[in-house]
């Protein structure tokens, strides 16, 4: 499912398997991590954490797709998707949280209103 979305969004950077990075990542577009990352991530697009990847970071992105392991807190403006091979340990703030069967999640989730909704949308007046 998410692979189709990724095809339309150009990947700006890839951290491949076997690579390790410690620091701060800031990006626009889409970034894929297949290696080990530790630090902070801030993005205006999608973050893809590949199977076998280990990310220990506080993350603020538009969308995140987890197939590897993520430890830290996440703020996803649009959605977070934990695939069946994914593991997430931390707290998340997002309007949409998707977990496939077999996914692991330990922490707290905080649901926020989607960008298109307001409190007035629920009134019948």
C-alpha atoms as a PDB file:
ATOM      1  CA  UNK A   1       0.000   0.000   0.000  1.00  0.00           C
ATOM      2  CA  UNK A   2       2.451   2.678   1.099  1.00  0.00           C
ATOM      3  CA  UNK A   3       4.937   1.751  -1.646  1.00  0.00           C
ATOM      4  CA  UNK A   4       2.592   3.307  -4.227  1.00  0.00           C
ATOM      5  CA  UNK A   5       2.570   6.589  -2.311  1.00  0.00           C
ATOM      6  CA  UNK A   6       6.333   6.524  -2.065  1.00  0.00           C
ATOM      7  CA  UNK A   7       6.720   6.125  -5.841  1.00  0.00           C
ATOM      8  CA  UNK A   8       5.037   9.502  -6.383  1.00  0.00           C
ATOM      9  CA  UNK A   9       7.145  11.216  -3.719  1.00  0.00           C
ATOM     10  CA  UNK A  10      10.816  11.593  -4.585  1.00  0.00           C
ATOM     11  CA  UNK A  11      13.172  10.093  -1.997  1.00  0.00           C
ATOM     12  CA  UNK A  12      15.669  12.801  -1.019  1.00  0.00           C
ATOM     13  CA  UNK A  13      18.030  10.641   1.059  1.00  0.00           C
ATOM     14  CA  UNK A  14      18.655   7.026   2.034  1.00  0.00           C
ATOM     15  CA  UNK A  15      20.632   5.696   4.986  1.00  0.00           C
ATOM     16  CA  UNK A  16      21.443   2.172   3.812  1.00  0.00           C
ATOM     17  CA  UNK A  17      21.791  -1.106   5.695  1.00  0.00           C
ATOM     18  CA  UNK A  18      25.035  -1.247   7.660  1.00  0.00           C
ATOM     19  CA  UNK A  19      25.319   2.551   7.851  1.00  0.00           C
ATOM     20  CA  UNK A  20      25.144   4.372  11.187  1.00  0.00           C
ATOM     21  CA  UNK A  21      24.403   8.052  11.766  1.00  0.00           C
ATOM     22  CA  UNK A  22      24.278  10.130  14.949  1.00  0.00           C
ATOM     23  CA  UNK A  23      22.948  13.674  14.733  1.00  0.00           C
ATOM     24  CA  UNK A  24      20.074  15.810  13.473  1.00  0.00           C
ATOM     25  CA  UNK A  25      18.247  15.159  10.199  1.00  0.00           C
ATOM     26  CA  UNK A  26      16.117  17.907   8.621  1.00  0.00           C
ATOM     27  CA  UNK A  27      14.422  17.269   5.280  1.00  0.00           C
ATOM     28  CA  UNK A  28      11.665  18.021   2.763  1.00  0.00           C
ATOM     29  CA  UNK A  29      10.187  15.245   0.634  1.00  0.00           C
ATOM     30  CA  UNK A  30      10.761  11.625   1.575  1.00  0.00           C
ATOM     31  CA  UNK A  31      13.638   9.954   3.438  1.00  0.00           C
ATOM     32  CA  UNK A  32      14.263   6.234   3.919  1.00  0.00           C
ATOM     33  CA  UNK A  33      16.344   4.776   6.762  1.00  0.00           C
ATOM     34  CA  UNK A  34      17.504   1.165   6.469  1.00  0.00           C
ATOM     35  CA  UNK A  35      20.501   1.481   8.813  1.00  0.00           C
ATOM     36  CA  UNK A  36      20.932   2.792  12.367  1.00  0.00           C
ATOM     37  CA  UNK A  37      20.070   6.386  13.265  1.00  0.00           C
ATOM     38  CA  UNK A  38      20.311   8.160  16.614  1.00  0.00           C
ATOM     39  CA  UNK A  39      19.370  11.785  17.300  1.00  0.00           C
ATOM     40  CA  UNK A  40      16.567  14.044  16.044  1.00  0.00           C
ATOM     41  CA  UNK A  41      14.504  13.979  12.852  1.00  0.00           C
ATOM     42  CA  UNK A  42      12.408  16.901  11.533  1.00  0.00           C
ATOM     43  CA  UNK A  43      10.769  16.613   8.143  1.00  0.00           C
ATOM     44  CA  UNK A  44       8.093  18.195   5.982  1.00  0.00           C
ATOM     45  CA  UNK A  45       7.404  14.883   4.231  1.00  0.00           C
ATOM     46  CA  UNK A  46       7.436  11.127   4.776  1.00  0.00           C
ATOM     47  CA  UNK A  47       9.917   9.073   6.773  1.00  0.00           C
ATOM     48  CA  UNK A  48      10.238   5.380   5.905  1.00  0.00           C
ATOM     49  CA  UNK A  49      11.969   3.138   8.463  1.00  0.00           C
ATOM     50  CA  UNK A  50      12.871  -0.056   6.606  1.00  0.00           C
ATOM     51  CA  UNK A  51      12.880  -3.594   7.941  1.00  0.00           C
ATOM     52  CA  UNK A  52      16.015  -4.195  10.021  1.00  0.00           C
ATOM     53  CA  UNK A  53      16.553  -0.478  10.717  1.00  0.00           C
ATOM     54  CA  UNK A  54      16.979   0.884  14.256  1.00  0.00           C
ATOM     55  CA  UNK A  55      16.031   4.513  14.905  1.00  0.00           C
ATOM     56  CA  UNK A  56      16.475   6.060  18.366  1.00  0.00           C
ATOM     57  CA  UNK A  57      15.159   9.583  17.938  1.00  0.00           C
ATOM     58  CA  UNK A  58      12.498  12.142  18.643  1.00  0.00           C
ATOM     59  CA  UNK A  59      10.711  12.585  15.330  1.00  0.00           C
ATOM     60  CA  UNK A  60       8.463  15.302  13.861  1.00  0.00           C
ATOM     61  CA  UNK A  61       7.278  14.539  10.297  1.00  0.00           C
ATOM     62  CA  UNK A  62       4.203  14.646   8.088  1.00  0.00           C
ATOM     63  CA  UNK A  63       3.935  10.829   7.812  1.00  0.00           C
ATOM     64  CA  UNK A  64       5.947   7.874   9.076  1.00  0.00           C
ATOM     65  CA  UNK A  65       5.968   4.253   7.909  1.00  0.00           C
ATOM     66  CA  UNK A  66       7.670   1.809  10.303  1.00  0.00           C
ATOM     67  CA  UNK A  67       8.867  -1.636   9.204  1.00  0.00           C
ATOM     68  CA  UNK A  68      11.952  -1.666  11.474  1.00  0.00           C
ATOM     69  CA  UNK A  69      12.320  -0.472  15.078  1.00  0.00           C
ATOM     70  CA  UNK A  70      11.770   3.068  16.352  1.00  0.00           C
ATOM     71  CA  UNK A  71      12.460   4.177  19.939  1.00  0.00           C
ATOM     72  CA  UNK A  72      11.463   7.712  20.891  1.00  0.00           C
ATOM     73  CA  UNK A  73       8.570  10.127  20.597  1.00  0.00           C
ATOM     74  CA  UNK A  74       6.831  10.890  17.316  1.00  0.00           C
ATOM     75  CA  UNK A  75       4.691  13.769  16.134  1.00  0.00           C
ATOM     76  CA  UNK A  76       3.167  12.844  12.776  1.00  0.00           C
ATOM     77  CA  UNK A  77       1.000  15.597  11.269  1.00  0.00           C
ATOM     78  CA  UNK A  78      -0.919  13.273   8.918  1.00  0.00           C
ATOM     79  CA  UNK A  79      -0.407   9.615   9.873  1.00  0.00           C
ATOM     80  CA  UNK A  80       1.714   6.865  11.359  1.00  0.00           C
ATOM     81  CA  UNK A  81       1.719   3.347   9.945  1.00  0.00           C
ATOM     82  CA  UNK A  82       3.366   0.450  11.795  1.00  0.00           C
ATOM     83  CA  UNK A  83       3.747  -2.509   9.451  1.00  0.00           C
ATOM     84  CA  UNK A  84       3.641  -6.142  10.629  1.00  0.00           C
ATOM     85  CA  UNK A  85       7.449  -6.274  11.044  1.00  0.00           C
ATOM     86  CA  UNK A  86       7.550  -2.868  12.772  1.00  0.00           C
ATOM     87  CA  UNK A  87       8.267  -2.106  16.429  1.00  0.00           C
ATOM     88  CA  UNK A  88       7.581   1.243  18.094  1.00  0.00           C
ATOM     89  CA  UNK A  89       8.465   2.116  21.690  1.00  0.00           C
ATOM     90  CA  UNK A  90       7.447   5.628  22.704  1.00  0.00           C
ATOM     91  CA  UNK A  91       4.641   8.153  22.593  1.00  0.00           C
ATOM     92  CA  UNK A  92       2.950   9.348  19.416  1.00  0.00           C
ATOM     93  CA  UNK A  93       0.786  12.370  18.540  1.00  0.00           C
ATOM     94  CA  UNK A  94      -1.060  11.852  15.239  1.00  0.00           C
ATOM     95  CA  UNK A  95      -4.557  12.119  13.772  1.00  0.00           C
ATOM     96  CA  UNK A  96      -4.278   8.666  12.109  1.00  0.00           C
ATOM     97  CA  UNK A  97      -2.577   5.576  13.589  1.00  0.00           C
ATOM     98  CA  UNK A  98      -2.507   2.382  11.528  1.00  0.00           C
ATOM     99  CA  UNK A  99      -1.138  -0.884  12.919  1.00  0.00           C
ATOM    100  CA  UNK A 100      -0.959  -4.098  10.931  1.00  0.00           C
ATOM    101  CA  UNK A 101      -1.422  -7.453  12.622  1.00  0.00           C
ATOM    102  CA  UNK A 102       1.886  -8.488  14.198  1.00  0.00           C
ATOM    103  CA  UNK A 103       3.109  -4.926  14.760  1.00  0.00           C
ATOM    104  CA  UNK A 104       4.494  -4.038  18.213  1.00  0.00           C
ATOM    105  CA  UNK A 105       3.588  -0.780  19.998  1.00  0.00           C
ATOM    106  CA  UNK A 106       4.540   0.086  23.571  1.00  0.00           C
ATOM    107  CA  UNK A 107       3.748   3.588  24.760  1.00  0.00           C
ATOM    108  CA  UNK A 108       0.950   6.146  24.554  1.00  0.00           C
ATOM    109  CA  UNK A 109      -0.953   7.460  21.585  1.00  0.00           C
ATOM    110  CA  UNK A 110      -2.510  10.912  21.509  1.00  0.00           C
ATOM    111  CA  UNK A 111      -4.993  11.559  18.751  1.00  0.00           C
ATOM    112  CA  UNK A 112      -5.273  15.061  17.358  1.00  0.00           C
ATOM    113  CA  UNK A 113      -7.839  16.522  14.982  1.00  0.00           C
ATOM    114  CA  UNK A 114      -7.017  16.102  11.304  1.00  0.00           C
ATOM    115  CA  UNK A 115      -6.101  19.237   9.400  1.00  0.00           C
ATOM    116  CA  UNK A 116      -9.474  19.280   7.604  1.00  0.00           C
ATOM    117  CA  UNK A 117     -11.651  18.929  10.711  1.00  0.00           C
ATOM    118  CA  UNK A 118     -12.600  21.511  13.284  1.00  0.00           C
ATOM    119  CA  UNK A 119     -14.640  21.232  16.447  1.00  0.00           C
ATOM    120  CA  UNK A 120     -17.590  22.836  14.636  1.00  0.00           C
ATOM    121  CA  UNK A 121     -17.794  19.895  12.187  1.00  0.00           C
ATOM    122  CA  UNK A 122     -19.446  17.843  14.940  1.00  0.00           C
ATOM    123  CA  UNK A 123     -22.269  20.299  15.657  1.00  0.00           C
ATOM    124  CA  UNK A 124     -25.800  19.677  14.373  1.00  0.00           C
ATOM    125  CA  UNK A 125     -27.039  23.275  14.703  1.00  0.00           C
END
